[in-house]
N, C-alpha and C. Protein backbone atom coordinates (compact mmCIF):
# COMPACT_ATOMS: atom_id res chain seq x y z
N UNK A 1 0.86 -1.19 0.00
CA UNK A 1 0.00 0.00 0.00
C UNK A 1 0.90 1.24 0.00
N UNK A 2 1.40 1.62 -1.19
CA UNK A 2 2.29 2.77 -1.28
C UNK A 2 1.55 4.06 -1.48
N UNK A 3 0.80 4.45 -0.49
CA UNK A 3 -0.02 5.67 -0.60
C UNK A 3 0.35 6.64 0.51
N UNK A 4 0.02 7.90 0.28
CA UNK A 4 0.06 8.90 1.33
C UNK A 4 -1.32 9.54 1.40
N UNK A 5 -1.87 9.62 2.59
CA UNK A 5 -3.21 10.18 2.76
C UNK A 5 -3.18 11.30 3.78
N UNK A 6 -4.22 12.11 3.76
CA UNK A 6 -4.33 13.20 4.73
C UNK A 6 -5.79 13.35 5.13
N UNK A 7 -6.00 13.67 6.39
CA UNK A 7 -7.32 14.04 6.90
C UNK A 7 -7.18 15.41 7.53
N UNK A 8 -7.97 16.36 7.06
CA UNK A 8 -7.86 17.73 7.55
C UNK A 8 -9.24 18.29 7.88
N UNK A 9 -9.30 19.10 8.92
CA UNK A 9 -10.51 19.83 9.31
C UNK A 9 -10.14 21.31 9.37
N UNK A 10 -10.79 22.12 8.53
CA UNK A 10 -10.49 23.54 8.46
C UNK A 10 -11.75 24.36 8.73
N UNK A 11 -11.55 25.57 9.25
CA UNK A 11 -12.67 26.46 9.62
C UNK A 11 -12.74 27.64 8.65
N UNK A 12 -13.98 27.98 8.24
CA UNK A 12 -14.16 29.04 7.23
C UNK A 12 -15.47 29.80 7.49
N UNK A 13 -15.54 31.04 7.01
CA UNK A 13 -16.81 31.77 7.09
C UNK A 13 -17.87 31.10 6.22
N UNK A 14 -19.12 31.38 6.52
CA UNK A 14 -20.21 30.79 5.75
C UNK A 14 -20.15 31.17 4.27
N UNK A 15 -19.63 32.35 3.97
CA UNK A 15 -19.54 32.75 2.56
C UNK A 15 -18.64 31.80 1.78
N UNK A 16 -17.55 31.36 2.40
CA UNK A 16 -16.66 30.42 1.71
C UNK A 16 -17.27 29.02 1.69
N UNK A 17 -17.93 28.63 2.78
CA UNK A 17 -18.60 27.32 2.79
C UNK A 17 -19.60 27.25 1.64
N UNK A 18 -20.33 28.34 1.39
CA UNK A 18 -21.30 28.38 0.30
C UNK A 18 -20.62 28.25 -1.06
N UNK A 19 -19.44 28.83 -1.20
CA UNK A 19 -18.70 28.72 -2.46
C UNK A 19 -18.21 27.29 -2.68
N UNK A 20 -17.87 26.62 -1.61
CA UNK A 20 -17.33 25.27 -1.70
C UNK A 20 -18.43 24.22 -1.88
N UNK A 21 -19.64 24.54 -1.43
CA UNK A 21 -20.72 23.55 -1.43
C UNK A 21 -21.01 22.93 -2.80
N UNK A 22 -21.10 23.70 -3.89
CA UNK A 22 -21.41 23.06 -5.18
C UNK A 22 -20.35 22.06 -5.63
N UNK A 23 -19.13 22.22 -5.16
CA UNK A 23 -18.07 21.30 -5.53
C UNK A 23 -18.06 20.07 -4.63
N UNK A 24 -18.27 20.27 -3.32
CA UNK A 24 -18.06 19.19 -2.36
C UNK A 24 -19.32 18.39 -2.05
N UNK A 25 -20.44 19.05 -1.88
CA UNK A 25 -21.63 18.33 -1.43
C UNK A 25 -22.10 17.25 -2.40
N UNK A 26 -22.08 17.48 -3.73
CA UNK A 26 -22.47 16.38 -4.62
C UNK A 26 -21.56 15.16 -4.49
N UNK A 27 -20.27 15.39 -4.22
CA UNK A 27 -19.36 14.27 -4.03
C UNK A 27 -19.73 13.49 -2.77
N UNK A 28 -20.01 14.22 -1.69
CA UNK A 28 -20.41 13.57 -0.45
C UNK A 28 -21.71 12.78 -0.62
N UNK A 29 -22.67 13.39 -1.29
CA UNK A 29 -23.97 12.75 -1.46
C UNK A 29 -23.85 11.50 -2.32
N UNK A 30 -23.02 11.56 -3.37
CA UNK A 30 -22.83 10.39 -4.22
C UNK A 30 -22.18 9.26 -3.45
N UNK A 31 -21.20 9.59 -2.63
CA UNK A 31 -20.51 8.57 -1.84
C UNK A 31 -21.44 7.95 -0.81
N UNK A 32 -22.19 8.80 -0.10
CA UNK A 32 -23.08 8.31 0.96
C UNK A 32 -24.20 7.44 0.41
N UNK A 33 -24.63 7.71 -0.82
CA UNK A 33 -25.73 6.93 -1.41
C UNK A 33 -25.24 5.69 -2.14
N UNK A 34 -23.92 5.49 -2.22
CA UNK A 34 -23.37 4.32 -2.89
C UNK A 34 -23.71 3.07 -2.08
N UNK A 35 -24.35 2.06 -2.67
CA UNK A 35 -24.74 0.86 -1.92
C UNK A 35 -23.56 0.14 -1.29
N UNK A 36 -22.42 0.11 -1.96
CA UNK A 36 -21.25 -0.57 -1.41
C UNK A 36 -20.76 0.16 -0.16
N UNK A 37 -20.70 1.48 -0.24
CA UNK A 37 -20.27 2.27 0.92
C UNK A 37 -21.20 2.03 2.11
N UNK A 38 -22.50 1.99 1.84
CA UNK A 38 -23.45 1.74 2.91
C UNK A 38 -23.29 0.36 3.51
N UNK A 39 -23.03 -0.64 2.68
CA UNK A 39 -22.86 -1.99 3.18
C UNK A 39 -21.61 -2.10 4.07
N UNK A 40 -20.53 -1.46 3.64
CA UNK A 40 -19.30 -1.50 4.43
C UNK A 40 -19.49 -0.81 5.78
N UNK A 41 -20.17 0.32 5.76
CA UNK A 41 -20.43 1.05 7.01
C UNK A 41 -21.27 0.21 7.96
N UNK A 42 -22.33 -0.38 7.45
CA UNK A 42 -23.22 -1.19 8.30
C UNK A 42 -22.49 -2.40 8.85
N UNK A 43 -21.63 -3.00 8.05
CA UNK A 43 -20.92 -4.19 8.54
C UNK A 43 -20.02 -3.82 9.71
N UNK A 44 -19.33 -2.68 9.60
CA UNK A 44 -18.48 -2.26 10.71
C UNK A 44 -19.30 -1.88 11.93
N UNK A 45 -20.46 -1.22 11.73
CA UNK A 45 -21.33 -0.87 12.83
C UNK A 45 -21.79 -2.12 13.58
N UNK A 46 -22.08 -3.17 12.85
CA UNK A 46 -22.62 -4.39 13.45
C UNK A 46 -21.53 -5.27 14.05
N UNK A 47 -20.31 -5.15 13.55
CA UNK A 47 -19.25 -6.05 14.00
C UNK A 47 -17.94 -5.28 14.14
N UNK A 48 -17.76 -4.54 15.25
CA UNK A 48 -16.51 -3.81 15.48
C UNK A 48 -15.31 -4.75 15.45
N UNK A 49 -14.17 -4.20 15.09
CA UNK A 49 -12.96 -5.02 14.97
C UNK A 49 -12.26 -5.18 16.31
N UNK A 50 -11.50 -6.26 16.48
CA UNK A 50 -10.80 -6.49 17.74
C UNK A 50 -9.55 -5.63 17.84
N UNK A 51 -8.82 -5.78 18.92
CA UNK A 51 -7.55 -5.10 19.14
C UNK A 51 -6.69 -5.20 17.88
N UNK A 52 -6.21 -4.06 17.40
CA UNK A 52 -5.48 -4.05 16.13
C UNK A 52 -4.20 -4.89 16.20
N UNK A 53 -3.68 -5.10 17.39
CA UNK A 53 -2.44 -5.88 17.50
C UNK A 53 -2.66 -7.36 17.17
N UNK A 54 -3.93 -7.79 17.12
CA UNK A 54 -4.21 -9.18 16.76
C UNK A 54 -4.32 -9.38 15.25
N UNK A 55 -4.30 -8.27 14.49
CA UNK A 55 -4.54 -8.40 13.05
C UNK A 55 -3.38 -9.11 12.35
N UNK A 56 -2.16 -8.82 12.75
CA UNK A 56 -1.00 -9.49 12.19
C UNK A 56 -0.74 -9.09 10.75
N UNK A 57 0.25 -9.73 10.17
CA UNK A 57 0.59 -9.47 8.76
C UNK A 57 -0.44 -10.16 7.88
N UNK A 58 -0.86 -9.46 6.86
CA UNK A 58 -1.88 -10.02 5.97
C UNK A 58 -3.23 -10.12 6.65
N UNK A 59 -3.45 -9.30 7.69
CA UNK A 59 -4.72 -9.28 8.41
C UNK A 59 -4.99 -10.61 9.09
N UNK A 60 -3.99 -11.12 9.78
CA UNK A 60 -4.21 -12.33 10.56
C UNK A 60 -3.55 -13.54 9.92
N UNK A 61 -3.48 -14.61 10.69
CA UNK A 61 -2.84 -15.82 10.19
C UNK A 61 -3.61 -16.42 9.02
N UNK A 62 -4.91 -16.31 9.05
CA UNK A 62 -5.74 -16.86 7.98
C UNK A 62 -6.26 -15.72 7.14
N UNK A 63 -5.62 -15.47 5.99
CA UNK A 63 -5.98 -14.32 5.15
C UNK A 63 -7.42 -14.42 4.65
N UNK A 64 -7.94 -15.63 4.58
CA UNK A 64 -9.30 -15.81 4.05
C UNK A 64 -10.34 -15.94 5.14
N UNK A 65 -9.96 -15.72 6.39
CA UNK A 65 -10.91 -15.87 7.48
C UNK A 65 -11.96 -14.75 7.43
N UNK A 66 -13.07 -14.98 8.16
CA UNK A 66 -14.10 -13.96 8.21
C UNK A 66 -13.59 -12.66 8.82
N UNK A 67 -12.72 -12.75 9.83
CA UNK A 67 -12.19 -11.55 10.46
C UNK A 67 -11.30 -10.78 9.50
N UNK A 68 -10.48 -11.50 8.74
CA UNK A 68 -9.62 -10.83 7.76
C UNK A 68 -10.47 -10.10 6.72
N UNK A 69 -11.57 -10.70 6.32
CA UNK A 69 -12.47 -10.05 5.36
C UNK A 69 -13.06 -8.78 5.96
N UNK A 70 -13.42 -8.83 7.23
CA UNK A 70 -13.98 -7.63 7.87
C UNK A 70 -12.94 -6.51 7.96
N UNK A 71 -11.69 -6.88 8.21
CA UNK A 71 -10.63 -5.87 8.27
C UNK A 71 -10.41 -5.25 6.90
N UNK A 72 -10.42 -6.08 5.85
CA UNK A 72 -10.28 -5.54 4.50
C UNK A 72 -11.46 -4.64 4.15
N UNK A 73 -12.67 -5.03 4.57
CA UNK A 73 -13.84 -4.18 4.34
C UNK A 73 -13.69 -2.84 5.07
N UNK A 74 -13.18 -2.88 6.29
CA UNK A 74 -12.98 -1.65 7.06
C UNK A 74 -12.02 -0.72 6.34
N UNK A 75 -10.92 -1.26 5.85
CA UNK A 75 -9.96 -0.42 5.12
C UNK A 75 -10.54 0.05 3.79
N UNK A 76 -11.37 -0.75 3.16
CA UNK A 76 -12.02 -0.28 1.94
C UNK A 76 -12.96 0.88 2.26
N UNK A 77 -13.68 0.77 3.36
CA UNK A 77 -14.58 1.85 3.78
C UNK A 77 -13.82 3.14 3.99
N UNK A 78 -12.63 3.04 4.60
CA UNK A 78 -11.84 4.22 4.90
C UNK A 78 -11.06 4.70 3.68
N UNK A 79 -10.42 3.76 2.98
CA UNK A 79 -9.47 4.13 1.95
C UNK A 79 -10.06 4.34 0.57
N UNK A 80 -11.23 3.75 0.32
CA UNK A 80 -11.86 3.93 -0.98
C UNK A 80 -12.74 5.18 -0.92
N UNK A 81 -12.13 6.32 -1.17
CA UNK A 81 -12.85 7.58 -0.96
C UNK A 81 -13.85 7.90 -2.07
N UNK A 82 -13.95 7.00 -3.05
CA UNK A 82 -14.88 7.28 -4.13
C UNK A 82 -14.51 8.59 -4.81
N UNK A 83 -15.45 9.51 -4.93
CA UNK A 83 -15.16 10.76 -5.64
C UNK A 83 -14.41 11.79 -4.81
N UNK A 84 -14.17 11.53 -3.51
CA UNK A 84 -13.61 12.59 -2.67
C UNK A 84 -12.18 12.95 -3.02
N UNK A 85 -11.45 12.05 -3.67
CA UNK A 85 -10.10 12.40 -4.10
C UNK A 85 -10.12 13.56 -5.09
N UNK A 86 -11.25 13.76 -5.77
CA UNK A 86 -11.35 14.90 -6.68
C UNK A 86 -11.24 16.23 -5.95
N UNK A 87 -11.45 16.21 -4.63
CA UNK A 87 -11.30 17.44 -3.86
C UNK A 87 -9.84 17.88 -3.76
N UNK A 88 -8.91 16.94 -4.01
CA UNK A 88 -7.51 17.31 -3.84
C UNK A 88 -7.01 18.18 -4.99
N UNK A 89 -7.26 17.75 -6.23
CA UNK A 89 -6.75 18.54 -7.35
C UNK A 89 -7.79 18.76 -8.44
N UNK A 90 -9.05 18.60 -8.08
CA UNK A 90 -10.12 18.85 -9.05
C UNK A 90 -10.47 17.66 -9.91
N UNK A 91 -9.70 16.58 -9.82
CA UNK A 91 -10.01 15.39 -10.59
C UNK A 91 -9.41 15.43 -11.99
N UNK A 92 -9.42 14.30 -12.68
CA UNK A 92 -8.77 14.21 -14.00
C UNK A 92 -9.42 15.06 -15.07
N UNK A 93 -10.69 15.39 -14.89
CA UNK A 93 -11.40 16.17 -15.91
C UNK A 93 -11.63 17.61 -15.49
N UNK A 94 -10.90 18.05 -14.47
CA UNK A 94 -11.10 19.41 -13.96
C UNK A 94 -10.74 20.44 -15.04
N UNK A 95 -11.53 21.48 -15.11
CA UNK A 95 -11.26 22.54 -16.09
C UNK A 95 -10.75 23.80 -15.42
N UNK A 96 -10.53 23.75 -14.10
CA UNK A 96 -9.97 24.90 -13.39
C UNK A 96 -8.72 24.45 -12.65
N UNK A 97 -8.15 25.35 -11.87
CA UNK A 97 -6.90 25.04 -11.17
C UNK A 97 -7.13 24.75 -9.70
N UNK A 98 -8.33 24.26 -9.35
CA UNK A 98 -8.65 24.00 -7.96
C UNK A 98 -7.70 22.97 -7.36
N UNK A 99 -7.26 23.26 -6.15
CA UNK A 99 -6.39 22.34 -5.41
C UNK A 99 -6.72 22.50 -3.93
N UNK A 100 -7.01 21.37 -3.28
CA UNK A 100 -7.44 21.41 -1.88
C UNK A 100 -6.44 22.15 -1.00
N UNK A 101 -5.15 21.93 -1.22
CA UNK A 101 -4.13 22.54 -0.38
C UNK A 101 -4.21 24.05 -0.42
N UNK A 102 -4.24 24.63 -1.61
CA UNK A 102 -4.19 26.09 -1.71
C UNK A 102 -5.56 26.74 -1.63
N UNK A 103 -6.59 26.06 -2.11
CA UNK A 103 -7.90 26.69 -2.19
C UNK A 103 -8.79 26.43 -0.97
N UNK A 104 -8.40 25.48 -0.11
CA UNK A 104 -9.19 25.21 1.09
C UNK A 104 -8.30 25.22 2.32
N UNK A 105 -7.32 24.33 2.39
CA UNK A 105 -6.52 24.21 3.61
C UNK A 105 -5.76 25.49 3.93
N UNK A 106 -5.22 26.14 2.93
CA UNK A 106 -4.48 27.38 3.16
C UNK A 106 -5.39 28.57 3.46
N UNK A 107 -6.69 28.38 3.29
CA UNK A 107 -7.63 29.47 3.53
C UNK A 107 -8.31 29.39 4.88
N UNK A 108 -7.87 28.49 5.73
CA UNK A 108 -8.39 28.44 7.10
C UNK A 108 -8.20 29.81 7.74
N UNK A 109 -9.21 30.27 8.46
CA UNK A 109 -9.18 31.60 9.05
C UNK A 109 -8.01 31.80 10.01
N UNK A 110 -7.57 30.73 10.65
CA UNK A 110 -6.48 30.82 11.61
C UNK A 110 -5.75 29.47 11.59
N UNK A 111 -4.47 29.46 11.19
CA UNK A 111 -3.74 28.18 11.13
C UNK A 111 -3.74 27.43 12.46
N UNK A 112 -3.91 28.13 13.57
CA UNK A 112 -3.94 27.47 14.87
C UNK A 112 -5.20 26.62 15.03
N UNK A 113 -6.22 26.92 14.24
CA UNK A 113 -7.46 26.13 14.32
C UNK A 113 -7.41 24.88 13.45
N UNK A 114 -6.51 24.86 12.48
CA UNK A 114 -6.42 23.75 11.56
C UNK A 114 -6.07 22.45 12.28
N UNK A 115 -6.77 21.38 11.90
CA UNK A 115 -6.36 20.04 12.32
C UNK A 115 -6.03 19.25 11.07
N UNK A 116 -4.85 18.64 11.03
CA UNK A 116 -4.48 17.81 9.89
C UNK A 116 -3.54 16.71 10.36
N UNK A 117 -3.73 15.53 9.78
CA UNK A 117 -2.79 14.43 10.01
C UNK A 117 -2.52 13.76 8.68
N UNK A 118 -1.23 13.68 8.34
CA UNK A 118 -0.79 13.07 7.09
C UNK A 118 -0.17 11.72 7.41
N UNK A 119 -0.55 10.68 6.67
CA UNK A 119 -0.07 9.32 6.91
C UNK A 119 0.57 8.76 5.64
N UNK A 120 1.64 8.02 5.84
CA UNK A 120 2.26 7.26 4.76
C UNK A 120 1.89 5.80 4.93
N UNK A 121 1.35 5.21 3.88
CA UNK A 121 0.91 3.81 3.90
C UNK A 121 -0.17 3.54 4.95
N UNK A 122 -0.97 4.52 5.24
CA UNK A 122 -2.04 4.33 6.24
C UNK A 122 -3.04 5.47 6.11
N UNK A 123 -4.05 5.42 6.97
CA UNK A 123 -5.11 6.42 6.99
C UNK A 123 -5.37 6.86 8.42
N UNK A 124 -5.30 8.17 8.65
CA UNK A 124 -5.62 8.69 9.97
C UNK A 124 -7.04 8.31 10.37
N UNK A 125 -7.94 8.31 9.40
CA UNK A 125 -9.34 7.98 9.70
C UNK A 125 -9.49 6.53 10.16
N UNK A 126 -8.67 5.63 9.63
CA UNK A 126 -8.77 4.23 10.04
C UNK A 126 -8.45 4.10 11.53
N UNK A 127 -7.36 4.71 11.97
CA UNK A 127 -7.00 4.64 13.38
C UNK A 127 -8.03 5.37 14.24
N UNK A 128 -8.50 6.52 13.76
CA UNK A 128 -9.50 7.31 14.50
C UNK A 128 -10.79 6.52 14.71
N UNK A 129 -11.34 5.96 13.64
CA UNK A 129 -12.59 5.23 13.75
C UNK A 129 -12.43 3.96 14.58
N UNK A 130 -11.32 3.27 14.39
CA UNK A 130 -11.11 2.06 15.19
C UNK A 130 -11.00 2.41 16.67
N UNK A 131 -10.32 3.52 16.98
CA UNK A 131 -10.11 3.90 18.37
C UNK A 131 -11.41 4.33 19.06
N UNK A 132 -12.27 5.08 18.35
CA UNK A 132 -13.50 5.56 19.00
C UNK A 132 -14.63 4.54 18.89
N UNK A 133 -14.59 3.66 17.90
CA UNK A 133 -15.61 2.63 17.75
C UNK A 133 -16.84 3.10 16.99
N UNK A 134 -17.66 2.15 16.51
CA UNK A 134 -18.81 2.47 15.67
C UNK A 134 -19.86 3.34 16.34
N UNK A 135 -20.13 3.09 17.63
CA UNK A 135 -21.20 3.85 18.30
C UNK A 135 -20.89 5.34 18.32
N UNK A 136 -19.68 5.69 18.67
CA UNK A 136 -19.30 7.11 18.70
C UNK A 136 -19.22 7.67 17.28
N UNK A 137 -18.68 6.89 16.35
CA UNK A 137 -18.52 7.37 14.98
C UNK A 137 -19.87 7.71 14.35
N UNK A 138 -20.91 6.96 14.71
CA UNK A 138 -22.24 7.19 14.14
C UNK A 138 -22.82 8.54 14.55
N UNK A 139 -22.30 9.15 15.60
CA UNK A 139 -22.79 10.45 16.05
C UNK A 139 -22.23 11.61 15.23
N UNK A 140 -21.20 11.37 14.46
CA UNK A 140 -20.54 12.45 13.73
C UNK A 140 -21.29 12.77 12.44
N UNK A 141 -21.41 14.05 12.09
CA UNK A 141 -22.11 14.41 10.86
C UNK A 141 -21.28 14.11 9.62
N UNK A 142 -21.92 14.25 8.46
CA UNK A 142 -21.22 13.99 7.22
C UNK A 142 -21.16 12.50 6.93
N UNK A 143 -20.11 12.10 6.22
CA UNK A 143 -19.97 10.69 5.86
C UNK A 143 -18.52 10.28 6.00
N UNK A 144 -18.28 9.35 6.93
CA UNK A 144 -16.97 8.71 7.08
C UNK A 144 -15.85 9.74 7.25
N UNK A 145 -16.09 10.71 8.13
CA UNK A 145 -15.06 11.70 8.44
C UNK A 145 -14.98 12.86 7.48
N UNK A 146 -15.85 12.90 6.48
CA UNK A 146 -15.88 13.98 5.50
C UNK A 146 -17.18 14.76 5.67
N UNK A 147 -17.08 16.08 5.67
CA UNK A 147 -18.27 16.90 5.91
C UNK A 147 -18.02 18.33 5.46
N UNK A 148 -19.11 19.03 5.20
CA UNK A 148 -19.08 20.47 4.92
C UNK A 148 -20.26 21.08 5.66
N UNK A 149 -19.97 21.92 6.66
CA UNK A 149 -20.99 22.41 7.57
C UNK A 149 -20.95 23.94 7.65
N UNK A 150 -22.11 24.55 7.64
CA UNK A 150 -22.21 25.98 7.91
C UNK A 150 -21.98 26.22 9.40
N UNK A 151 -21.84 27.49 9.78
CA UNK A 151 -21.65 27.79 11.20
C UNK A 151 -22.83 27.32 12.03
N UNK A 152 -24.06 27.45 11.49
CA UNK A 152 -25.24 26.98 12.22
C UNK A 152 -25.21 25.47 12.38
N UNK A 153 -24.78 24.76 11.36
CA UNK A 153 -24.69 23.30 11.45
C UNK A 153 -23.59 22.87 12.42
N UNK A 154 -22.51 23.63 12.48
CA UNK A 154 -21.46 23.33 13.45
C UNK A 154 -22.01 23.44 14.87
N UNK A 155 -22.71 24.52 15.15
CA UNK A 155 -23.28 24.70 16.49
C UNK A 155 -24.31 23.62 16.79
N UNK A 156 -25.14 23.29 15.81
CA UNK A 156 -26.19 22.29 16.01
C UNK A 156 -25.59 20.90 16.27
N UNK A 157 -24.50 20.59 15.58
CA UNK A 157 -23.90 19.26 15.70
C UNK A 157 -22.95 19.13 16.89
N UNK A 158 -22.56 20.24 17.49
CA UNK A 158 -21.56 20.19 18.56
C UNK A 158 -21.96 19.26 19.71
N UNK A 159 -23.22 19.26 20.19
CA UNK A 159 -23.55 18.33 21.30
C UNK A 159 -23.28 16.86 20.94
N UNK A 160 -23.61 16.44 19.72
CA UNK A 160 -23.34 15.06 19.33
C UNK A 160 -21.85 14.81 19.19
N UNK A 161 -21.12 15.78 18.68
CA UNK A 161 -19.67 15.62 18.56
C UNK A 161 -19.03 15.55 19.95
N UNK A 162 -19.57 16.34 20.88
CA UNK A 162 -19.09 16.26 22.27
C UNK A 162 -19.32 14.85 22.83
N UNK A 163 -20.49 14.29 22.57
CA UNK A 163 -20.78 12.93 23.05
C UNK A 163 -19.83 11.92 22.42
N UNK A 164 -19.54 12.11 21.14
CA UNK A 164 -18.70 11.16 20.42
C UNK A 164 -17.25 11.23 20.86
N UNK A 165 -16.75 12.43 21.16
CA UNK A 165 -15.31 12.61 21.32
C UNK A 165 -14.90 13.11 22.70
N UNK A 166 -15.81 13.07 23.67
CA UNK A 166 -15.45 13.35 25.06
C UNK A 166 -15.28 12.01 25.78
N UNK A 167 -14.23 11.90 26.59
CA UNK A 167 -13.90 10.64 27.23
C UNK A 167 -13.63 10.84 28.71
N UNK A 168 -14.01 9.87 29.52
CA UNK A 168 -13.48 9.81 30.88
C UNK A 168 -12.01 9.41 30.77
N UNK A 169 -11.22 9.59 31.83
CA UNK A 169 -9.82 9.16 31.75
C UNK A 169 -9.67 7.69 31.37
N UNK A 170 -10.56 6.84 31.89
CA UNK A 170 -10.48 5.42 31.58
C UNK A 170 -10.83 5.17 30.11
N UNK A 171 -11.87 5.84 29.62
CA UNK A 171 -12.26 5.69 28.22
C UNK A 171 -11.17 6.21 27.29
N UNK A 172 -10.55 7.31 27.67
CA UNK A 172 -9.48 7.89 26.83
C UNK A 172 -8.29 6.92 26.75
N UNK A 173 -7.98 6.28 27.86
CA UNK A 173 -6.86 5.33 27.85
C UNK A 173 -7.16 4.15 26.93
N UNK A 174 -8.39 3.66 26.95
CA UNK A 174 -8.77 2.55 26.09
C UNK A 174 -8.70 2.97 24.62
N UNK A 175 -9.25 4.16 24.31
CA UNK A 175 -9.23 4.64 22.93
C UNK A 175 -7.81 4.88 22.45
N UNK A 176 -6.99 5.52 23.29
CA UNK A 176 -5.61 5.81 22.90
C UNK A 176 -4.84 4.54 22.65
N UNK A 177 -5.17 3.48 23.38
CA UNK A 177 -4.49 2.20 23.21
C UNK A 177 -4.78 1.60 21.83
N UNK A 178 -5.91 1.98 21.22
CA UNK A 178 -6.29 1.46 19.92
C UNK A 178 -5.99 2.45 18.78
N UNK A 179 -5.35 3.57 19.09
CA UNK A 179 -4.88 4.52 18.09
C UNK A 179 -3.43 4.15 17.77
N UNK A 180 -3.20 3.58 16.59
CA UNK A 180 -1.88 3.06 16.27
C UNK A 180 -0.97 4.08 15.57
N UNK A 181 -1.42 5.30 15.39
CA UNK A 181 -0.63 6.30 14.67
C UNK A 181 0.58 6.73 15.49
N UNK A 182 1.64 7.06 14.79
CA UNK A 182 2.83 7.62 15.43
C UNK A 182 2.75 9.14 15.38
N UNK A 183 3.05 9.79 16.49
CA UNK A 183 2.98 11.25 16.56
C UNK A 183 4.34 11.82 16.92
N UNK A 184 4.67 12.94 16.28
CA UNK A 184 5.88 13.65 16.67
C UNK A 184 5.62 14.40 17.97
N UNK A 185 6.66 14.87 18.60
CA UNK A 185 6.52 15.56 19.88
C UNK A 185 5.64 16.80 19.72
N UNK A 186 4.61 16.89 20.55
CA UNK A 186 3.70 18.02 20.52
C UNK A 186 2.61 17.93 19.47
N UNK A 187 2.62 16.89 18.63
CA UNK A 187 1.60 16.76 17.59
C UNK A 187 0.27 16.33 18.19
N UNK A 188 -0.79 16.90 17.68
CA UNK A 188 -2.14 16.64 18.18
C UNK A 188 -2.64 15.30 17.64
N UNK A 189 -3.25 14.51 18.51
CA UNK A 189 -3.73 13.20 18.09
C UNK A 189 -5.11 13.32 17.44
N UNK A 190 -5.50 12.26 16.74
CA UNK A 190 -6.83 12.22 16.12
C UNK A 190 -7.93 12.17 17.16
N UNK A 191 -7.60 11.80 18.38
CA UNK A 191 -8.61 11.78 19.45
C UNK A 191 -8.84 13.16 20.04
N UNK A 192 -7.92 14.09 19.82
CA UNK A 192 -8.03 15.43 20.41
C UNK A 192 -8.35 16.51 19.39
N UNK A 193 -7.76 16.43 18.20
CA UNK A 193 -7.87 17.51 17.24
C UNK A 193 -9.27 17.81 16.73
N UNK A 194 -10.05 16.80 16.34
CA UNK A 194 -11.37 17.10 15.78
C UNK A 194 -12.30 17.85 16.75
N UNK A 195 -12.38 17.42 18.01
CA UNK A 195 -13.25 18.09 18.96
C UNK A 195 -12.75 19.50 19.24
N UNK A 196 -11.44 19.67 19.37
CA UNK A 196 -10.89 21.00 19.57
C UNK A 196 -11.26 21.92 18.40
N UNK A 197 -11.14 21.43 17.16
CA UNK A 197 -11.49 22.23 15.98
C UNK A 197 -12.97 22.57 15.97
N UNK A 198 -13.82 21.63 16.38
CA UNK A 198 -15.27 21.85 16.40
C UNK A 198 -15.62 22.94 17.42
N UNK A 199 -15.06 22.83 18.59
CA UNK A 199 -15.35 23.81 19.64
C UNK A 199 -14.90 25.21 19.24
N UNK A 200 -13.71 25.31 18.65
CA UNK A 200 -13.20 26.62 18.26
C UNK A 200 -14.04 27.22 17.14
N UNK A 201 -14.46 26.40 16.18
CA UNK A 201 -15.29 26.91 15.10
C UNK A 201 -16.64 27.38 15.63
N UNK A 202 -17.23 26.62 16.54
CA UNK A 202 -18.52 27.01 17.11
C UNK A 202 -18.39 28.33 17.86
N UNK A 203 -17.32 28.50 18.61
CA UNK A 203 -17.10 29.75 19.36
C UNK A 203 -16.89 30.92 18.43
N UNK A 204 -16.18 30.69 17.32
CA UNK A 204 -15.86 31.77 16.39
C UNK A 204 -16.95 32.03 15.36
N UNK A 205 -18.00 31.21 15.35
CA UNK A 205 -19.07 31.39 14.38
C UNK A 205 -18.66 31.03 12.96
N UNK A 206 -17.87 29.97 12.83
CA UNK A 206 -17.36 29.54 11.53
C UNK A 206 -17.91 28.17 11.15
N UNK A 207 -17.89 27.90 9.86
CA UNK A 207 -18.24 26.59 9.36
C UNK A 207 -17.01 25.70 9.33
N UNK A 208 -17.22 24.43 8.98
CA UNK A 208 -16.12 23.47 8.95
C UNK A 208 -16.13 22.66 7.66
N UNK A 209 -14.92 22.36 7.20
CA UNK A 209 -14.73 21.47 6.06
C UNK A 209 -13.82 20.33 6.52
N UNK A 210 -14.31 19.11 6.48
CA UNK A 210 -13.50 17.94 6.81
C UNK A 210 -13.35 17.06 5.58
N UNK A 211 -12.11 16.80 5.18
CA UNK A 211 -11.86 16.01 3.98
C UNK A 211 -10.71 15.05 4.22
N UNK A 212 -10.90 13.80 3.81
CA UNK A 212 -9.83 12.81 3.84
C UNK A 212 -9.56 12.38 2.40
N UNK A 213 -8.32 12.51 1.96
CA UNK A 213 -7.98 12.26 0.57
C UNK A 213 -6.65 11.54 0.44
N UNK A 214 -6.45 10.92 -0.71
CA UNK A 214 -5.13 10.45 -1.08
C UNK A 214 -4.34 11.63 -1.65
N UNK A 215 -3.13 11.81 -1.17
CA UNK A 215 -2.24 12.82 -1.73
C UNK A 215 -1.41 12.24 -2.85
N UNK A 216 -0.91 11.02 -2.65
CA UNK A 216 -0.17 10.30 -3.68
C UNK A 216 -0.78 8.93 -3.85
């Protein structure tokens, strides 16, 4: 799996969210209505995966086992972004110079509010969803970690996001134990960054754009 992926959450005024909506929302709606995407999501909701340390090389000792199939389905749910990769550079048929990095991520109102995690040969969303589990993940708006929300929608969704991403010390320890990502010193984890970004956007009266894409 020679890929590099990124998951970013950026804050913007409603005027910019409205400009971005015609480009992003149809992609989200197409992905969410895809029967395969729905089947993968439901399978994970019904059968959460075990401790990631048991997966082993090739997703376990028996590559053809039912558990190995569920792990592959989970990664397909996370890694098969469908049309969302078009958000990175406008897609192969783009007629403009749109690029997620310069036209969205660099336009965050305050770089201190930005949350981003870049992974090589992995997906930040995979570790995030596995760590928080299906019940908490189902409370998050959008689809599979991707969303475009106005400031009103950010405020409206904040209580559910608080429920999803607030932990007792014991719960946080369990979730952190299932977050397999490596972090540099001082780097914000996937368990902390999204809720912090949500709270700051709600306080500042800003909308949010969450996108997970392949960079390479």
